[in-house]
C-alpha cells in the first residue's frame, strides 16, 4: 500500500511539474531581451504610410514630392551580423509611392563602439540618367566617418572641430538615450499591466513558455495618460530634458523658442495634450509573435484622424535565420565604380 502511495505521489508531482510548465507564459519583455542577444539574423522591415488629402504638388524638394504622393511604402530586406569589434548590415532598400519606385542596395559597417562607420548605397538606375555622365558607370556611393572627419577638420574652426570631435567620440548621448528608452518602457509596462491591456494567445500547441502572440491596443486617452505619468515623474523628466539639451547642443539650436528643454513638465504636458486634443481620434495597435523565445514578427498600426481625414502608418517586421548568418561582405570602397561622397562635396567647393 505504501509503495502504491509513493508511486502515486511521484506521478502526481511529475504531472504538477508538467502542468505548471505548460501554464507559464513567456513575457514580452523577456523575448525582447533575448532579441538583444542575437548575433546574426535575416530581417525584413516594411512601413506603409497613407497621408490624407495630401496635395500632389511638384515643388523644389524631391523627397517631399515623393512622400506627398499619398500612399508611400518603404521596404528594407537583408542580413545583420554582430562581430566582436563591429556590426555589419546588408540589405535592399525600396521606396514606392503611387506607382513610382526607387530601389538600391545598402551596406553599413559600424565599428569602434559605433563611433566609426562605412556606408554604401547603390545608385538607383532611375537616377543615373538625371545625375549626368559622371555617375553613368557608378555602382554605389560611399561615405565613411574617417573622410567626414577630415572634411570637418578642414571646414570648422579649431574650437568648432574640438566640440564636434568630442561629441563624436563620446558615448554619453547614447547612455542618456538608452536611459530615456528604459524610462518610457517602465511607465508603459506599469500602465499596461494596471489597465490589463495585454492579451496573450498560444500558437497552436506550442510550448507557451517559449511561444505565443502578444497583442494590445492604445486609445487616445491611453496615450495621454501614459505621457502624463511619464512627464509627471521627476527623475524621468530630468533624463528627458538632458537628452533634449544634448541634441540641441549638437544641432546648435540658438532659437530659445524652439528649445523645449526649457519648459517645465507641466508646460510640456499642456503642449502635448493640446496637440493631441486637436486630433479627432488616435488608435494604436501592436502584435508581437514570439517563437522559441524570440520576437520574430512585429506588427503595428497607427491610425490618426484629423480635420483633413484619416491617415495611417503600418509597420511590419520579421526576423529569421537567427544566429545563422556566417559572413557579410562589404563592397570594395576602392573600386572604380565607387563614388566617394566627400570627394564629390569637395569638388563642388565645400573645402576651404
Protein backbone atom coordinates (compact mmCIF):
# COMPACT_ATOMS: atom_id res chain seq x y z
CA UNK A 1 0.00 0.00 0.00
CA UNK A 2 2.82 2.36 0.92
CA UNK A 3 4.58 1.60 -2.36
CA UNK A 4 1.39 2.39 -4.28
CA UNK A 5 1.01 5.68 -2.40
CA UNK A 6 4.64 6.56 -3.04
CA UNK A 7 4.29 5.76 -6.73
CA UNK A 8 1.07 7.77 -6.91
CA UNK A 9 2.77 10.71 -5.18
CA UNK A 10 5.66 10.65 -7.66
CA UNK A 11 3.26 10.55 -10.61
CA UNK A 12 1.24 13.45 -9.19
CA UNK A 13 4.41 15.52 -8.63
CA UNK A 14 5.55 14.86 -12.19
CA UNK A 15 2.12 15.85 -13.52
CA UNK A 16 2.14 19.05 -11.45
CA UNK A 17 5.56 19.99 -12.81
CA UNK A 18 4.44 19.32 -16.39
CA UNK A 19 1.19 21.23 -15.97
CA UNK A 20 2.87 24.16 -14.24
CA UNK A 21 5.37 24.32 -17.10
CA UNK A 22 2.57 24.38 -19.65
CA UNK A 23 0.85 27.18 -17.78
CA UNK A 24 3.83 29.52 -17.88
CA UNK A 25 3.61 32.25 -20.49
CA UNK A 26 6.71 33.92 -21.81
CA UNK A 27 6.77 37.65 -21.14
CA UNK A 28 7.17 40.07 -23.99
CA UNK A 29 9.94 41.86 -22.10
CA UNK A 30 11.87 38.57 -21.79
CA UNK A 31 11.61 37.89 -25.52
CA UNK A 32 12.78 41.44 -26.33
CA UNK A 33 15.83 40.95 -24.09
CA UNK A 34 16.54 37.67 -25.90
CA UNK A 35 16.46 39.53 -29.21
CA UNK A 36 19.17 41.82 -27.91
CA UNK A 37 21.46 38.82 -27.58
CA UNK A 38 21.07 37.70 -31.20
CA UNK A 39 24.42 37.71 -33.01
CA UNK A 40 23.05 37.48 -36.55
CA UNK A 41 19.80 37.17 -38.47
CA UNK A 42 17.95 37.89 -41.69
CA UNK A 43 15.39 40.66 -41.46
CA UNK A 44 12.61 42.41 -43.36
CA UNK A 45 11.13 45.77 -42.41
CA UNK A 46 8.08 47.37 -44.06
CA UNK A 47 6.49 50.77 -43.46
CA UNK A 48 3.36 51.88 -45.29
CA UNK A 49 2.09 55.45 -44.89
CA UNK A 50 -1.28 56.71 -46.05
CA UNK A 51 -1.39 60.51 -45.84
CA UNK A 52 -4.91 62.01 -46.04
CA UNK A 53 -5.75 64.69 -48.59
CA UNK A 54 -2.11 65.38 -49.34
CA UNK A 55 -1.91 67.78 -52.33
CA UNK A 56 0.02 66.24 -55.19
CA UNK A 57 2.09 69.25 -55.98
CA UNK A 58 5.51 69.33 -57.55
CA UNK A 59 7.86 71.53 -55.57
CA UNK A 60 11.59 72.06 -55.22
CA UNK A 61 12.14 69.26 -52.69
CA UNK A 62 12.27 65.82 -54.37
CA UNK A 63 11.93 64.00 -51.02
CA UNK A 64 8.76 65.92 -50.13
CA UNK A 65 7.37 65.43 -53.62
CA UNK A 66 7.92 61.68 -53.32
CA UNK A 67 6.19 61.40 -49.92
CA UNK A 68 3.39 63.77 -50.91
CA UNK A 69 2.02 61.24 -53.38
CA UNK A 70 -0.36 59.90 -50.69
CA UNK A 71 0.47 56.21 -50.28
CA UNK A 72 4.15 55.65 -49.60
CA UNK A 73 5.90 52.43 -48.67
CA UNK A 74 9.41 51.60 -47.51
CA UNK A 75 10.82 48.07 -47.66
CA UNK A 76 14.21 47.02 -46.31
CA UNK A 77 15.29 43.40 -46.51
CA UNK A 78 18.66 41.86 -45.75
CA UNK A 79 21.05 40.42 -43.17
CA UNK A 80 22.64 41.61 -39.93
CA UNK A 81 25.71 40.26 -38.17
CA UNK A 82 27.31 41.42 -34.92
CA UNK A 83 31.01 40.74 -34.55
CA UNK A 84 33.40 41.37 -31.68
CA UNK A 85 34.56 44.76 -32.93
CA UNK A 86 31.86 45.70 -35.44
CA UNK A 87 28.31 45.29 -36.68
CA UNK A 88 27.54 44.74 -40.36
CA UNK A 89 24.23 45.24 -42.16
CA UNK A 90 23.41 44.45 -45.76
CA UNK A 91 20.08 44.98 -47.44
CA UNK A 92 17.99 46.11 -50.33
CA UNK A 93 16.05 49.35 -49.85
CA UNK A 94 12.92 50.04 -51.89
CA UNK A 95 10.83 53.22 -51.75
CA UNK A 96 7.48 53.22 -53.55
CA UNK A 97 4.85 55.91 -53.98
CA UNK A 98 1.83 55.83 -56.28
CA UNK A 99 3.48 53.66 -58.92
CA UNK A 100 6.92 55.30 -58.74
CA UNK A 101 9.73 53.29 -57.13
CA UNK A 102 13.37 53.75 -56.21
CA UNK A 103 15.43 50.69 -55.30
CA UNK A 104 19.05 50.36 -54.17
CA UNK A 105 21.28 48.01 -52.17
CA UNK A 106 22.83 49.30 -48.94
CA UNK A 107 25.73 48.16 -46.76
CA UNK A 108 26.68 49.55 -43.35
CA UNK A 109 29.69 48.65 -41.23
CA UNK A 110 29.94 50.27 -37.78
CA UNK A 111 32.96 49.79 -35.53
CA UNK A 112 34.93 51.38 -32.69
CA UNK A 113 31.87 51.10 -30.40
CA UNK A 114 29.64 52.60 -33.06
CA UNK A 115 31.59 55.84 -33.40
CA UNK A 116 33.01 54.99 -36.83
CA UNK A 117 31.26 53.72 -39.93
CA UNK A 118 31.46 52.86 -43.61
CA UNK A 119 28.21 53.41 -45.52
CA UNK A 120 27.48 52.24 -49.06
CA UNK A 121 24.31 52.84 -51.08
CA UNK A 122 23.77 51.74 -54.65
CA UNK A 123 22.98 54.31 -57.33
CA UNK A 124 19.34 53.69 -58.40
CA UNK A 125 19.05 53.13 -62.13
CA UNK A 126 16.30 55.73 -62.37
CA UNK A 127 18.71 58.38 -61.06
CA UNK A 128 21.70 57.59 -63.26
CA UNK A 129 20.19 59.40 -66.24
CA UNK A 130 19.48 62.55 -64.25
CA UNK A 131 22.84 62.60 -62.46
CA UNK A 132 24.89 63.00 -65.60
CA UNK A 133 27.83 61.25 -67.24
CA UNK A 134 29.95 61.31 -64.07
CA UNK A 135 27.61 58.81 -62.42
CA UNK A 136 26.62 56.82 -65.50
CA UNK A 137 29.01 53.95 -64.73
CA UNK A 138 28.84 54.25 -60.94
CA UNK A 139 27.55 51.34 -58.86
CA UNK A 140 27.47 52.91 -55.40
CA UNK A 141 28.01 55.99 -53.28
CA UNK A 142 30.43 55.64 -50.35
CA UNK A 143 30.66 57.66 -47.14
CA UNK A 144 32.97 56.98 -44.20
CA UNK A 145 33.35 58.59 -40.79
CA UNK A 146 37.09 58.95 -41.49
CA UNK A 147 36.51 61.03 -44.64
CA UNK A 148 33.75 63.02 -42.95
CA UNK A 149 36.06 63.79 -40.04
CA UNK A 150 38.70 65.06 -42.47
CA UNK A 151 36.16 67.33 -44.16
CA UNK A 152 35.02 68.76 -40.82
CA UNK A 153 38.61 69.38 -39.78
CA UNK A 154 39.19 71.43 -42.95
CA UNK A 155 35.99 73.48 -42.72
CA UNK A 156 35.50 74.10 -38.99
CA UNK A 157 37.43 76.36 -36.68
CA UNK A 158 39.61 74.66 -34.07
CA UNK A 159 37.00 75.30 -31.38
CA UNK A 160 34.15 74.01 -33.55
CA UNK A 161 36.10 70.93 -34.58
CA UNK A 162 37.06 70.13 -30.98
CA UNK A 163 33.40 70.31 -29.99
CA UNK A 164 32.39 68.14 -32.96
CA UNK A 165 35.11 65.59 -32.22
CA UNK A 166 34.25 65.42 -28.50
CA UNK A 167 30.61 64.83 -29.34
CA UNK A 168 31.51 62.15 -31.88
CA UNK A 169 33.85 60.33 -29.53
CA UNK A 170 31.56 60.48 -26.51
CA UNK A 171 29.00 57.81 -25.80
CA UNK A 172 27.21 59.98 -23.20
CA UNK A 173 24.33 60.72 -25.57
CA UNK A 174 23.85 57.00 -26.19
CA UNK A 175 23.65 56.33 -22.45
CA UNK A 176 21.09 59.08 -21.91
CA UNK A 177 19.06 57.88 -24.87
CA UNK A 178 19.14 54.33 -23.56
CA UNK A 179 18.03 55.52 -20.12
CA UNK A 180 15.15 57.54 -21.57
CA UNK A 181 14.08 54.47 -23.55
CA UNK A 182 14.12 52.36 -20.38
CA UNK A 183 12.11 55.03 -18.53
CA UNK A 184 9.42 55.09 -21.22
CA UNK A 185 9.22 51.28 -21.28
CA UNK A 186 8.90 51.21 -17.48
CA UNK A 187 5.99 53.67 -17.47
CA UNK A 188 4.32 51.90 -20.37
CA UNK A 189 4.62 48.44 -18.79
CA UNK A 190 3.17 49.64 -15.48
CA UNK A 191 0.26 51.33 -17.24
CA UNK A 192 -0.33 48.32 -19.49
CA UNK A 193 -0.40 45.95 -16.52
CA UNK A 194 -2.62 48.26 -14.46
CA UNK A 195 -5.18 48.57 -17.27
CA UNK A 196 -4.76 44.91 -18.29
CA UNK A 197 -4.30 45.90 -21.94
CA UNK A 198 -2.09 42.96 -22.89
CA UNK A 199 -3.59 39.78 -24.32
CA UNK A 200 -1.71 36.51 -24.79
CA UNK A 201 -2.63 33.76 -27.25
CA UNK A 202 -0.96 30.40 -27.71
CA UNK A 203 0.42 29.35 -31.10
CA UNK A 204 -1.27 26.03 -31.92
CA UNK A 205 0.05 23.51 -29.42
CA UNK A 206 3.49 25.06 -28.98
CA UNK A 207 5.01 25.49 -25.51
CA UNK A 208 3.73 28.83 -24.16
CA UNK A 209 6.90 29.30 -22.11
CA UNK A 210 8.70 30.00 -25.42
CA UNK A 211 5.94 30.75 -27.93
CA UNK A 212 2.90 32.97 -28.14
CA UNK A 213 1.27 36.06 -29.62
CA UNK A 214 1.03 39.23 -27.54
CA UNK A 215 -1.38 41.99 -28.58
CA UNK A 216 -2.57 45.28 -27.11
CA UNK A 217 -4.28 48.46 -28.28
CA UNK A 218 -3.90 52.07 -27.12
CA UNK A 219 -6.62 54.70 -27.41
CA UNK A 220 -6.29 58.48 -27.45
CA UNK A 221 -6.87 58.59 -23.67
CA UNK A 222 -4.30 55.83 -23.09
CA UNK A 223 -1.64 57.85 -24.95
CA UNK A 224 -2.44 60.98 -22.92
CA UNK A 225 -2.36 59.04 -19.63
CA UNK A 226 0.97 57.36 -20.40
CA UNK A 227 2.63 60.66 -21.35
CA UNK A 228 1.14 62.31 -18.26
CA UNK A 229 2.59 59.64 -15.96
CA UNK A 230 5.94 59.81 -17.73
CA UNK A 231 6.32 63.61 -17.57
CA UNK A 232 4.98 63.59 -14.02
CA UNK A 233 7.94 61.51 -12.84
CA UNK A 234 10.68 63.99 -11.86
CA UNK A 235 13.55 61.57 -12.46
CA UNK A 236 12.26 60.51 -15.88
CA UNK A 237 11.51 64.11 -16.87
CA UNK A 238 15.04 65.25 -15.94
CA UNK A 239 16.50 62.43 -18.07
CA UNK A 240 14.30 63.52 -20.97
CA UNK A 241 15.41 67.16 -20.65
CA UNK A 242 19.05 66.09 -20.56
CA UNK A 243 18.55 64.15 -23.81
CA UNK A 244 16.95 67.18 -25.49
CA UNK A 245 19.69 69.51 -24.26
CA UNK A 246 22.37 67.22 -25.71
CA UNK A 247 20.51 67.07 -29.02
CA UNK A 248 20.14 70.84 -29.07
CA UNK A 249 23.83 71.39 -28.38
CA UNK A 250 24.71 69.01 -31.18
CA UNK A 251 22.42 70.84 -33.61
CA UNK A 252 23.49 74.21 -32.16
CA UNK A 253 19.92 75.44 -31.80
CA UNK A 254 20.03 79.11 -30.89
CA UNK A 255 16.31 79.94 -31.06
CA UNK A 256 15.14 79.74 -27.44
CA UNK A 257 11.53 79.48 -28.60
CA UNK A 258 12.33 76.12 -30.20
CA UNK A 259 14.20 74.82 -27.16
CA UNK A 260 11.55 72.71 -25.38
CA UNK A 261 14.14 71.62 -22.80
CA UNK A 262 13.46 74.95 -21.05
CA UNK A 263 9.81 74.02 -20.43
CA UNK A 264 8.56 72.63 -17.14
CA UNK A 265 6.89 69.22 -17.10
CA UNK A 266 3.50 70.94 -16.74
CA UNK A 267 4.14 73.25 -19.71
CA UNK A 268 5.37 70.36 -21.84
CA UNK A 269 2.33 68.25 -20.95
CA UNK A 270 -0.01 71.13 -21.79
CA UNK A 271 1.58 71.46 -25.23
CA UNK A 272 1.34 67.73 -25.83
CA UNK A 273 -2.30 67.49 -24.73
CA UNK A 274 -3.23 70.48 -26.89
CA UNK A 275 -1.75 68.85 -29.99
CA UNK A 276 -3.45 65.53 -29.16
CA UNK A 277 -6.82 67.17 -28.50
CA UNK A 278 -6.71 68.76 -31.94
CA UNK A 279 -6.97 65.25 -33.38
CA UNK A 280 -10.35 63.58 -33.64
CA UNK A 281 -9.03 60.13 -32.86
CA UNK A 282 -5.91 58.05 -32.33
CA UNK A 283 -5.76 54.27 -32.32
CA UNK A 284 -2.52 52.29 -31.95
CA UNK A 285 -2.41 48.51 -32.06
CA UNK A 286 0.54 46.15 -31.60
CA UNK A 287 1.04 42.47 -32.28
CA UNK A 288 4.20 40.58 -31.30
CA UNK A 289 4.78 36.99 -32.38
CA UNK A 290 7.20 35.12 -30.12
CA UNK A 291 8.81 31.90 -31.34
CA UNK A 292 11.44 29.86 -29.47
CA UNK A 293 11.89 32.76 -27.05
CA UNK A 294 12.48 35.46 -29.66
CA UNK A 295 10.21 38.16 -31.09
CA UNK A 296 10.17 37.05 -34.72
CA UNK A 297 7.35 39.25 -36.02
CA UNK A 298 6.18 42.72 -35.07
CA UNK A 299 3.07 44.38 -36.48
CA UNK A 300 1.91 47.87 -35.56
CA UNK A 301 -0.83 50.10 -36.95
CA UNK A 302 -1.13 53.77 -36.03
CA UNK A 303 -4.40 55.37 -37.16
CA UNK A 304 -4.91 59.11 -36.82
CA UNK A 305 -7.95 61.15 -37.77
CA UNK A 306 -7.98 64.95 -38.03
CA UNK A 307 -9.97 67.58 -39.91
CA UNK A 308 -8.37 66.55 -43.21
CA UNK A 309 -9.39 62.92 -42.86
CA UNK A 310 -7.94 59.61 -41.74
CA UNK A 311 -4.29 58.67 -42.07
CA UNK A 312 -2.36 55.60 -41.06
CA UNK A 313 1.12 54.19 -40.62
CA UNK A 314 1.55 50.44 -40.79
CA UNK A 315 4.79 48.81 -39.62
CA UNK A 316 5.61 45.14 -40.20
CA UNK A 317 8.91 43.46 -39.43
CA UNK A 318 10.20 39.93 -39.10
CA UNK A 319 13.47 38.15 -38.47
CA UNK A 320 14.60 34.65 -39.43
CA UNK A 321 17.75 32.51 -39.68
CA UNK A 322 18.59 33.58 -36.12
CA UNK A 323 22.31 33.23 -35.37
CA UNK A 324 22.74 31.56 -38.77
CA UNK A 325 24.47 34.30 -40.81
CA UNK A 326 28.12 33.34 -41.30
CA UNK A 327 29.52 36.41 -43.10
CA UNK A 328 28.53 39.72 -44.68
CA UNK A 329 30.99 41.03 -47.27
CA UNK A 330 31.26 44.79 -47.68
CA UNK A 331 31.74 46.33 -51.17
CA UNK A 332 35.22 47.40 -52.29
CA UNK A 333 35.48 51.09 -51.43
CA UNK A 334 38.45 51.45 -53.79
CA UNK A 335 36.53 50.21 -56.81
CA UNK A 336 36.47 52.44 -59.92
CA UNK A 337 32.68 52.24 -59.79
CA UNK A 338 32.53 53.62 -56.26
CA UNK A 339 31.71 57.34 -55.83
CA UNK A 340 33.18 58.91 -52.68
CA UNK A 341 30.59 61.39 -51.35
CA UNK A 342 33.18 63.57 -49.60
CA UNK A 343 35.26 63.92 -52.75
CA UNK A 344 32.15 64.99 -54.63
CA UNK A 345 31.42 67.64 -51.98
CA UNK A 346 34.99 68.88 -52.21
CA UNK A 347 34.75 69.11 -55.98
CA UNK A 348 31.74 71.39 -55.56
CA UNK A 349 33.81 73.75 -53.39
CA UNK A 350 32.94 72.51 -49.91
CA UNK A 351 36.58 72.56 -48.98
CA UNK A 352 38.08 75.74 -47.57
